[in-house]
Protein backbone atom coordinates (compact mmCIF):
# COMPACT_ATOMS: atom_id res chain seq x y z
CA UNK A 1 -9.36 -30.73 163.91
CA UNK A 2 -6.12 -31.24 162.02
CA UNK A 3 -6.26 -31.64 158.23
CA UNK A 4 -3.46 -33.41 156.37
CA UNK A 5 -3.52 -32.92 152.58
CA UNK A 6 -1.80 -35.50 150.32
CA UNK A 7 -1.59 -35.65 146.53
CA UNK A 8 0.02 -37.96 144.01
CA UNK A 9 2.76 -36.81 141.67
CA UNK A 10 0.33 -35.78 138.90
CA UNK A 11 -1.71 -33.40 141.11
CA UNK A 12 -0.38 -29.97 142.03
CA UNK A 13 -0.29 -30.05 145.84
CA UNK A 14 1.30 -26.65 146.41
CA UNK A 15 0.61 -24.64 149.56
CA UNK A 16 -2.03 -22.44 147.89
CA UNK A 17 -4.11 -25.45 146.82
CA UNK A 18 -3.58 -27.13 150.17
CA UNK A 19 -4.76 -24.01 152.04
CA UNK A 20 -7.82 -23.62 149.80
CA UNK A 21 -8.94 -27.23 150.29
CA UNK A 22 -8.15 -27.14 154.02
CA UNK A 23 -10.52 -24.17 154.43
CA UNK A 24 -13.14 -25.85 152.22
CA UNK A 25 -13.00 -29.03 154.33
CA UNK A 26 -12.97 -27.13 157.64
CA UNK A 27 -16.05 -25.13 156.65
CA UNK A 28 -17.82 -28.18 155.22
CA UNK A 29 -17.31 -30.25 158.37
CA UNK A 30 -17.58 -27.41 160.91
CA UNK A 31 -20.67 -28.97 162.51
CA UNK A 32 -18.66 -32.04 163.58
CA UNK A 33 -15.28 -30.41 164.24
CA UNK A 34 -15.51 -31.03 168.01
CA UNK A 35 -15.71 -34.78 167.38
CA UNK A 36 -13.06 -35.07 164.65
CA UNK A 37 -9.40 -35.18 165.68
CA UNK A 38 -7.90 -35.44 162.19
CA UNK A 39 -8.89 -35.57 158.53
CA UNK A 40 -6.55 -37.13 156.00
CA UNK A 41 -7.16 -36.05 152.42
CA UNK A 42 -5.76 -38.11 149.55
CA UNK A 43 -6.25 -36.72 146.04
CA UNK A 44 -5.11 -38.82 143.10
CA UNK A 45 -5.49 -38.81 139.34
CA UNK A 46 -6.44 -42.35 138.39
CA UNK A 47 -5.29 -41.90 134.75
CA UNK A 48 -2.13 -39.93 135.41
CA UNK A 49 -1.70 -37.36 132.64
CA UNK A 50 -4.12 -39.10 130.27
CA UNK A 51 -7.53 -37.58 129.53
CA UNK A 52 -10.60 -39.31 130.93
CA UNK A 53 -13.92 -38.89 132.69
CA UNK A 54 -14.13 -38.91 136.50
CA UNK A 55 -10.44 -39.61 136.88
CA UNK A 56 -9.78 -37.45 139.95
CA UNK A 57 -10.38 -39.34 143.19
CA UNK A 58 -10.63 -37.81 146.64
CA UNK A 59 -10.49 -40.01 149.71
CA UNK A 60 -11.33 -38.39 153.05
CA UNK A 61 -10.43 -40.36 156.15
CA UNK A 62 -11.90 -38.99 159.36
CA UNK A 63 -10.47 -39.88 162.76
CA UNK A 64 -13.22 -39.53 165.33
CA UNK A 65 -12.74 -39.25 169.10
CA UNK A 66 -13.25 -42.66 170.67
CA UNK A 67 -14.37 -44.29 167.40
CA UNK A 68 -12.81 -46.18 164.54
CA UNK A 69 -11.67 -44.11 161.55
CA UNK A 70 -14.09 -43.83 158.65
CA UNK A 71 -13.39 -43.09 155.00
CA UNK A 72 -15.35 -41.90 151.98
CA UNK A 73 -14.34 -41.46 148.36
CA UNK A 74 -15.62 -39.45 145.45
CA UNK A 75 -14.53 -39.48 141.81
CA UNK A 76 -15.10 -36.49 139.54
CA UNK A 77 -13.67 -34.56 136.60
CA UNK A 78 -11.95 -31.89 138.75
CA UNK A 79 -10.25 -31.73 142.12
CA UNK A 80 -12.83 -29.23 143.37
CA UNK A 81 -15.76 -31.51 142.48
CA UNK A 82 -14.07 -34.58 143.95
CA UNK A 83 -13.28 -32.85 147.25
CA UNK A 84 -16.75 -31.27 147.47
CA UNK A 85 -18.42 -34.61 146.76
CA UNK A 86 -16.31 -36.36 149.39
CA UNK A 87 -17.20 -33.65 151.93
CA UNK A 88 -20.90 -34.18 151.19
CA UNK A 89 -20.57 -37.94 151.61
CA UNK A 90 -18.63 -37.58 154.86
CA UNK A 91 -21.23 -35.13 156.19
CA UNK A 92 -24.01 -37.61 155.44
CA UNK A 93 -22.11 -40.44 157.15
CA UNK A 94 -21.32 -38.34 160.21
CA UNK A 95 -24.93 -37.17 160.46
CA UNK A 96 -26.10 -40.78 160.48
CA UNK A 97 -23.55 -41.80 163.13
CA UNK A 98 -24.31 -38.94 165.48
CA UNK A 99 -28.08 -39.25 165.06
CA UNK A 100 -27.82 -42.91 166.03
CA UNK A 101 -25.75 -42.02 169.09
CA UNK A 102 -28.26 -39.43 170.29
CA UNK A 103 -31.21 -41.81 169.77
CA UNK A 104 -29.65 -44.53 171.94
């Protein structure tokens, strides 16, 4: 599973942050790693440098083997919360998809 980390110009996307979130995503989606070819992570600050609530948005796009890509988003106050929330949502979606496949 390849993970591509993208940020906008207002988010610090240095290698240290990228590595931290790559490990977080890999661990969070480990159960489905055999079925995922690539994860694209897009982290943006909806307000730019202005202060606001739930302005950090994380979009996770998962490319699954033999299936159409799927995407989830989560908005939160911090990058960590946004990424963690998106991982939880993606896990729930993947669980539903793979449970349906095994039941049919």
